[in-house]
Amino acid sequence: MLAYISSLLLRTLPAIDYDNEHYTYDSEAEEQNPAQSAANPAPQPVPPGKELLPKTAEEFAAAAFNRKPN
C-alpha cells in the first residue's frame, strides 16, 4: 500500500513543479481576498416559490418541527 501511495506521489511531482514554475502567486492578494469575501458575502437571490431560511437556530428548529412531510 505504501509503495502505491509513493508511486502516486512521484507521478504528481512533475505537475507540481510545472505549476510552481509557470504560475506566480501573490501572497498578499491571497491573504486579503478570502477575508474580504468572507466579510462581505454576495447576496444570493431566493428562487421563486422558496422561502428564506430562518435567521436563528431556534427559528429553524421550530420551522423544521412544524414542517409537513411530503
PDB file of N, CA and C in Angstrom:
ATOM      1  N   MET A   1       0.827  -1.190   0.000  1.00  0.00           N
ATOM      2  CA  MET A   1       0.000   0.000   0.000  1.00  0.00           C
ATOM      3  C   MET A   1       0.871   1.253   0.000  1.00  0.00           C
ATOM      4  N   LEU A   2       1.916   1.236   0.813  1.00  0.00           N
ATOM      5  CA  LEU A   2       2.805   2.389   0.886  1.00  0.00           C
ATOM      6  C   LEU A   2       3.519   2.606  -0.446  1.00  0.00           C
ATOM      7  N   ALA A   3       3.873   1.537  -1.116  1.00  0.00           N
ATOM      8  CA  ALA A   3       4.530   1.661  -2.418  1.00  0.00           C
ATOM      9  C   ALA A   3       3.592   2.291  -3.436  1.00  0.00           C
ATOM     10  N   TYR A   4       2.319   1.944  -3.393  1.00  0.00           N
ATOM     11  CA  TYR A   4       1.338   2.510  -4.319  1.00  0.00           C
ATOM     12  C   TYR A   4       1.177   4.008  -4.086  1.00  0.00           C
ATOM     13  N   ILE A   5       1.074   4.408  -2.827  1.00  0.00           N
ATOM     14  CA  ILE A   5       0.931   5.825  -2.495  1.00  0.00           C
ATOM     15  C   ILE A   5       2.182   6.583  -2.928  1.00  0.00           C
ATOM     16  N   SER A   6       3.348   5.979  -2.719  1.00  0.00           N
ATOM     17  CA  SER A   6       4.591   6.617  -3.131  1.00  0.00           C
ATOM     18  C   SER A   6       4.639   6.799  -4.648  1.00  0.00           C
ATOM     19  N   SER A   7       4.176   5.810  -5.390  1.00  0.00           N
ATOM     20  CA  SER A   7       4.190   5.937  -6.847  1.00  0.00           C
ATOM     21  C   SER A   7       3.237   7.032  -7.314  1.00  0.00           C
ATOM     22  N   LEU A   8       2.091   7.167  -6.645  1.00  0.00           N
ATOM     23  CA  LEU A   8       1.169   8.252  -6.991  1.00  0.00           C
ATOM     24  C   LEU A   8       1.800   9.613  -6.728  1.00  0.00           C
ATOM     25  N   LEU A   9       2.481   9.709  -5.604  1.00  0.00           N
ATOM     26  CA  LEU A   9       3.146  10.964  -5.261  1.00  0.00           C
ATOM     27  C   LEU A   9       4.225  11.303  -6.279  1.00  0.00           C
ATOM     28  N   LEU A  10       5.010  10.312  -6.646  1.00  0.00           N
ATOM     29  CA  LEU A  10       6.077  10.556  -7.619  1.00  0.00           C
ATOM     30  C   LEU A  10       5.519  10.956  -8.982  1.00  0.00           C
ATOM     31  N   ARG A  11       4.338  10.458  -9.339  1.00  0.00           N
ATOM     32  CA  ARG A  11       3.722  10.843 -10.612  1.00  0.00           C
ATOM     33  C   ARG A  11       3.247  12.288 -10.597  1.00  0.00           C
ATOM     34  N   THR A  12       2.881  12.799  -9.426  1.00  0.00           N
ATOM     35  CA  THR A  12       2.353  14.165  -9.356  1.00  0.00           C
ATOM     36  C   THR A  12       3.445  15.218  -9.222  1.00  0.00           C
ATOM     37  N   LEU A  13       4.653  14.818  -8.849  1.00  0.00           N
ATOM     38  CA  LEU A  13       5.715  15.804  -8.658  1.00  0.00           C
ATOM     39  C   LEU A  13       6.011  16.625  -9.912  1.00  0.00           C
ATOM     40  N   PRO A  14       6.071  16.046 -11.123  1.00  0.00           N
ATOM     41  CA  PRO A  14       6.305  16.895 -12.301  1.00  0.00           C
ATOM     42  C   PRO A  14       5.211  17.941 -12.503  1.00  0.00           C
ATOM     43  N   ALA A  15       3.976  17.605 -12.218  1.00  0.00           N
ATOM     44  CA  ALA A  15       2.886  18.571 -12.360  1.00  0.00           C
ATOM     45  C   ALA A  15       3.019  19.694 -11.335  1.00  0.00           C
ATOM     46  N   ILE A  16       3.439  19.336 -10.124  1.00  0.00           N
ATOM     47  CA  ILE A  16       3.635  20.354  -9.091  1.00  0.00           C
ATOM     48  C   ILE A  16       4.775  21.278  -9.486  1.00  0.00           C
ATOM     49  N   ASP A  17       5.866  20.714  -9.970  1.00  0.00           N
ATOM     50  CA  ASP A  17       6.988  21.538 -10.416  1.00  0.00           C
ATOM     51  C   ASP A  17       6.576  22.460 -11.561  1.00  0.00           C
ATOM     52  N   TYR A  18       5.799  21.949 -12.495  1.00  0.00           N
ATOM     53  CA  TYR A  18       5.328  22.760 -13.622  1.00  0.00           C
ATOM     54  C   TYR A  18       4.506  23.937 -13.114  1.00  0.00           C
ATOM     55  N   ASP A  19       3.578  23.666 -12.194  1.00  0.00           N
ATOM     56  CA  ASP A  19       2.748  24.741 -11.655  1.00  0.00           C
ATOM     57  C   ASP A  19       3.593  25.796 -10.953  1.00  0.00           C
ATOM     58  N   ASN A  20       4.578  25.347 -10.181  1.00  0.00           N
ATOM     59  CA  ASN A  20       5.421  26.293  -9.454  1.00  0.00           C
ATOM     60  C   ASN A  20       6.263  27.139 -10.395  1.00  0.00           C
ATOM     61  N   GLU A  21       6.670  26.586 -11.532  1.00  0.00           N
ATOM     62  CA  GLU A  21       7.496  27.330 -12.471  1.00  0.00           C
ATOM     63  C   GLU A  21       6.681  28.281 -13.344  1.00  0.00           C
ATOM     64  N   HIS A  22       5.452  27.927 -13.690  1.00  0.00           N
ATOM     65  CA  HIS A  22       4.686  28.704 -14.656  1.00  0.00           C
ATOM     66  C   HIS A  22       3.631  29.623 -14.058  1.00  0.00           C
ATOM     67  N   TYR A  23       3.306  29.442 -12.800  1.00  0.00           N
ATOM     68  CA  TYR A  23       2.287  30.278 -12.176  1.00  0.00           C
ATOM     69  C   TYR A  23       2.898  30.972 -10.974  1.00  0.00           C
ATOM     70  N   THR A  24       2.609  32.259 -10.846  1.00  0.00           N
ATOM     71  CA  THR A  24       3.087  33.002  -9.689  1.00  0.00           C
ATOM     72  C   THR A  24       1.888  33.324  -8.815  1.00  0.00           C
ATOM     73  N   TYR A  25       2.133  33.305  -7.548  1.00  0.00           N
ATOM     74  CA  TYR A  25       1.071  33.569  -6.590  1.00  0.00           C
ATOM     75  C   TYR A  25       1.494  34.736  -5.720  1.00  0.00           C
ATOM     76  N   ASP A  26       0.633  35.725  -5.626  1.00  0.00           N
ATOM     77  CA  ASP A  26       0.891  36.884  -4.790  1.00  0.00           C
ATOM     78  C   ASP A  26       0.350  36.587  -3.401  1.00  0.00           C
ATOM     79  N   SER A  27       1.222  36.431  -2.437  1.00  0.00           N
ATOM     80  CA  SER A  27       0.797  36.022  -1.099  1.00  0.00           C
ATOM     81  C   SER A  27      -0.086  37.079  -0.434  1.00  0.00           C
ATOM     82  N   GLU A  28       0.181  38.349  -0.664  1.00  0.00           N
ATOM     83  CA  GLU A  28      -0.651  39.384  -0.057  1.00  0.00           C
ATOM     84  C   GLU A  28      -2.058  39.370  -0.636  1.00  0.00           C
ATOM     85  N   ALA A  29      -2.192  39.176  -1.928  1.00  0.00           N
ATOM     86  CA  ALA A  29      -3.519  39.152  -2.553  1.00  0.00           C
ATOM     87  C   ALA A  29      -4.308  37.933  -2.082  1.00  0.00           C
ATOM     88  N   GLU A  30      -3.633  36.811  -1.903  1.00  0.00           N
ATOM     89  CA  GLU A  30      -4.327  35.608  -1.435  1.00  0.00           C
ATOM     90  C   GLU A  30      -4.825  35.772  -0.011  1.00  0.00           C
ATOM     91  N   GLU A  31      -4.048  36.481   0.821  1.00  0.00           N
ATOM     92  CA  GLU A  31      -4.454  36.674   2.203  1.00  0.00           C
ATOM     93  C   GLU A  31      -5.617  37.642   2.324  1.00  0.00           C
ATOM     94  N   GLN A  32      -5.692  38.645   1.451  1.00  0.00           N
ATOM     95  CA  GLN A  32      -6.742  39.650   1.558  1.00  0.00           C
ATOM     96  C   GLN A  32      -8.046  39.205   0.930  1.00  0.00           C
ATOM     97  N   ASN A  33      -8.012  38.505  -0.188  1.00  0.00           N
ATOM     98  CA  ASN A  33      -9.242  38.156  -0.889  1.00  0.00           C
ATOM     99  C   ASN A  33     -10.179  37.265  -0.073  1.00  0.00           C
ATOM    100  N   PRO A  34      -9.718  36.176   0.557  1.00  0.00           N
ATOM    101  CA  PRO A  34     -10.665  35.367   1.331  1.00  0.00           C
ATOM    102  C   PRO A  34     -11.265  36.137   2.498  1.00  0.00           C
ATOM    103  N   ALA A  35     -10.477  36.979   3.144  1.00  0.00           N
ATOM    104  CA  ALA A  35     -11.010  37.730   4.278  1.00  0.00           C
ATOM    105  C   ALA A  35     -12.055  38.731   3.817  1.00  0.00           C
ATOM    106  N   GLN A  36     -11.804  39.379   2.696  1.00  0.00           N
ATOM    107  CA  GLN A  36     -12.759  40.351   2.195  1.00  0.00           C
ATOM    108  C   GLN A  36     -14.027  39.666   1.719  1.00  0.00           C
ATOM    109  N   SER A  37     -13.900  38.545   1.051  1.00  0.00           N
ATOM    110  CA  SER A  37     -15.090  37.871   0.544  1.00  0.00           C
ATOM    111  C   SER A  37     -15.892  37.271   1.684  1.00  0.00           C
ATOM    112  N   ALA A  38     -15.232  36.833   2.744  1.00  0.00           N
ATOM    113  CA  ALA A  38     -15.956  36.278   3.882  1.00  0.00           C
ATOM    114  C   ALA A  38     -16.671  37.384   4.664  1.00  0.00           C
ATOM    115  N   ALA A  39     -16.067  38.567   4.711  1.00  0.00           N
ATOM    116  CA  ALA A  39     -16.673  39.669   5.444  1.00  0.00           C
ATOM    117  C   ALA A  39     -17.858  40.260   4.701  1.00  0.00           C
ATOM    118  N   ASN A  40     -17.816  40.246   3.375  1.00  0.00           N
ATOM    119  CA  ASN A  40     -18.876  40.819   2.560  1.00  0.00           C
ATOM    120  C   ASN A  40     -19.377  39.796   1.550  1.00  0.00           C
ATOM    121  N   PRO A  41     -20.162  38.813   1.996  1.00  0.00           N
ATOM    122  CA  PRO A  41     -20.635  37.804   1.035  1.00  0.00           C
ATOM    123  C   PRO A  41     -21.618  38.413   0.045  1.00  0.00           C
ATOM    124  N   ALA A  42     -21.592  37.895  -1.166  1.00  0.00           N
ATOM    125  CA  ALA A  42     -22.517  38.371  -2.189  1.00  0.00           C
ATOM    126  C   ALA A  42     -23.919  37.874  -1.863  1.00  0.00           C
ATOM    127  N   PRO A  43     -24.927  38.724  -1.968  1.00  0.00           N
ATOM    128  CA  PRO A  43     -26.284  38.280  -1.676  1.00  0.00           C
ATOM    129  C   PRO A  43     -26.751  37.241  -2.692  1.00  0.00           C
ATOM    130  N   GLN A  44     -27.359  36.188  -2.208  1.00  0.00           N
ATOM    131  CA  GLN A  44     -27.863  35.122  -3.057  1.00  0.00           C
ATOM    132  C   GLN A  44     -29.366  35.317  -3.241  1.00  0.00           C
ATOM    133  N   PRO A  45     -29.837  35.436  -4.475  1.00  0.00           N
ATOM    134  CA  PRO A  45     -31.282  35.591  -4.675  1.00  0.00           C
ATOM    135  C   PRO A  45     -32.017  34.290  -4.335  1.00  0.00           C
ATOM    136  N   VAL A  46     -33.210  34.445  -3.802  1.00  0.00           N
ATOM    137  CA  VAL A  46     -34.042  33.290  -3.466  1.00  0.00           C
ATOM    138  C   VAL A  46     -34.920  32.995  -4.675  1.00  0.00           C
ATOM    139  N   PRO A  47     -34.886  31.761  -5.196  1.00  0.00           N
ATOM    140  CA  PRO A  47     -35.714  31.445  -6.358  1.00  0.00           C
ATOM    141  C   PRO A  47     -37.204  31.545  -6.022  1.00  0.00           C
ATOM    142  N   PRO A  48     -38.044  31.793  -7.020  1.00  0.00           N
ATOM    143  CA  PRO A  48     -39.482  31.880  -6.786  1.00  0.00           C
ATOM    144  C   PRO A  48     -40.024  30.577  -6.179  1.00  0.00           C
ATOM    145  N   GLY A  49     -40.932  30.710  -5.251  1.00  0.00           N
ATOM    146  CA  GLY A  49     -41.532  29.545  -4.613  1.00  0.00           C
ATOM    147  C   GLY A  49     -40.756  29.046  -3.417  1.00  0.00           C
ATOM    148  N   LYS A  50     -39.630  29.650  -3.123  1.00  0.00           N
ATOM    149  CA  LYS A  50     -38.812  29.259  -1.975  1.00  0.00           C
ATOM    150  C   LYS A  50     -38.884  30.345  -0.922  1.00  0.00           C
ATOM    151  N   GLU A  51     -38.684  29.943   0.332  1.00  0.00           N
ATOM    152  CA  GLU A  51     -38.682  30.904   1.425  1.00  0.00           C
ATOM    153  C   GLU A  51     -37.265  31.063   1.949  1.00  0.00           C
ATOM    154  N   LEU A  52     -36.972  32.214   2.530  1.00  0.00           N
ATOM    155  CA  LEU A  52     -35.680  32.441   3.150  1.00  0.00           C
ATOM    156  C   LEU A  52     -35.516  31.538   4.364  1.00  0.00           C
ATOM    157  N   LEU A  53     -34.285  31.170   4.676  1.00  0.00           N
ATOM    158  CA  LEU A  53     -34.024  30.390   5.877  1.00  0.00           C
ATOM    159  C   LEU A  53     -34.200  31.268   7.100  1.00  0.00           C
ATOM    160  N   PRO A  54     -34.639  30.700   8.203  1.00  0.00           N
ATOM    161  CA  PRO A  54     -34.761  31.488   9.437  1.00  0.00           C
ATOM    162  C   PRO A  54     -33.387  32.010   9.873  1.00  0.00           C
ATOM    163  N   LYS A  55     -33.394  33.129  10.593  1.00  0.00           N
ATOM    164  CA  LYS A  55     -32.141  33.770  10.987  1.00  0.00           C
ATOM    165  C   LYS A  55     -31.495  33.117  12.203  1.00  0.00           C
ATOM    166  N   THR A  56     -32.262  32.487  13.065  1.00  0.00           N
ATOM    167  CA  THR A  56     -31.683  31.877  14.264  1.00  0.00           C
ATOM    168  C   THR A  56     -31.911  30.369  14.234  1.00  0.00           C
ATOM    169  N   ALA A  57     -31.128  29.682  15.059  1.00  0.00           N
ATOM    170  CA  ALA A  57     -31.255  28.231  15.150  1.00  0.00           C
ATOM    171  C   ALA A  57     -32.612  27.842  15.733  1.00  0.00           C
ATOM    172  N   GLU A  58     -33.113  28.639  16.651  1.00  0.00           N
ATOM    173  CA  GLU A  58     -34.404  28.339  17.259  1.00  0.00           C
ATOM    174  C   GLU A  58     -35.535  28.438  16.231  1.00  0.00           C
ATOM    175  N   GLU A  59     -35.480  29.477  15.388  1.00  0.00           N
ATOM    176  CA  GLU A  59     -36.489  29.631  14.341  1.00  0.00           C
ATOM    177  C   GLU A  59     -36.409  28.475  13.347  1.00  0.00           C
ATOM    178  N   PHE A  60     -35.183  28.044  13.029  1.00  0.00           N
ATOM    179  CA  PHE A  60     -35.001  26.938  12.100  1.00  0.00           C
ATOM    180  C   PHE A  60     -35.566  25.644  12.683  1.00  0.00           C
ATOM    181  N   ALA A  61     -35.287  25.392  13.960  1.00  0.00           N
ATOM    182  CA  ALA A  61     -35.796  24.177  14.602  1.00  0.00           C
ATOM    183  C   ALA A  61     -37.315  24.189  14.651  1.00  0.00           C
ATOM    184  N   ALA A  62     -37.896  25.330  14.977  1.00  0.00           N
ATOM    185  CA  ALA A  62     -39.346  25.423  15.027  1.00  0.00           C
ATOM    186  C   ALA A  62     -39.952  25.173  13.652  1.00  0.00           C
ATOM    187  N   ALA A  63     -39.351  25.735  12.609  1.00  0.00           N
ATOM    188  CA  ALA A  63     -39.860  25.530  11.258  1.00  0.00           C
ATOM    189  C   ALA A  63     -39.698  24.079  10.833  1.00  0.00           C
ATOM    190  N   ALA A  64     -38.610  23.441  11.239  1.00  0.00           N
ATOM    191  CA  ALA A  64     -38.366  22.045  10.879  1.00  0.00           C
ATOM    192  C   ALA A  64     -39.369  21.118  11.554  1.00  0.00           C
ATOM    193  N   PHE A  65     -39.679  21.396  12.804  1.00  0.00           N
ATOM    194  CA  PHE A  65     -40.637  20.544  13.527  1.00  0.00           C
ATOM    195  C   PHE A  65     -42.067  20.757  13.052  1.00  0.00           C
ATOM    196  N   ASN A  66     -42.366  21.960  12.564  1.00  0.00           N
ATOM    197  CA  ASN A  66     -43.722  22.260  12.106  1.00  0.00           C
ATOM    198  C   ASN A  66     -43.934  21.930  10.645  1.00  0.00           C
ATOM    199  N   ARG A  67     -42.904  21.467   9.961  1.00  0.00           N
ATOM    200  CA  ARG A  67     -42.979  21.168   8.529  1.00  0.00           C
ATOM    201  C   ARG A  67     -43.825  19.939   8.275  1.00  0.00           C
ATOM    202  N   LYS A  68     -44.631  20.000   7.226  1.00  0.00           N
ATOM    203  CA  LYS A  68     -45.440  18.852   6.831  1.00  0.00           C
ATOM    204  C   LYS A  68     -44.615  17.920   5.944  1.00  0.00           C
ATOM    205  N   PRO A  69     -44.609  16.621   6.209  1.00  0.00           N
ATOM    206  CA  PRO A  69     -43.840  15.705   5.352  1.00  0.00           C
ATOM    207  C   PRO A  69     -44.453  15.617   3.966  1.00  0.00           C
ATOM    208  N   ASN A  70     -43.603  15.320   2.985  1.00  0.00           N
ATOM    209  CA  ASN A  70     -44.069  15.207   1.601  1.00  0.00           C
ATOM    210  C   ASN A  70     -44.851  13.946   1.381  1.00  0.00           C
TER     211      ASN A  70
END
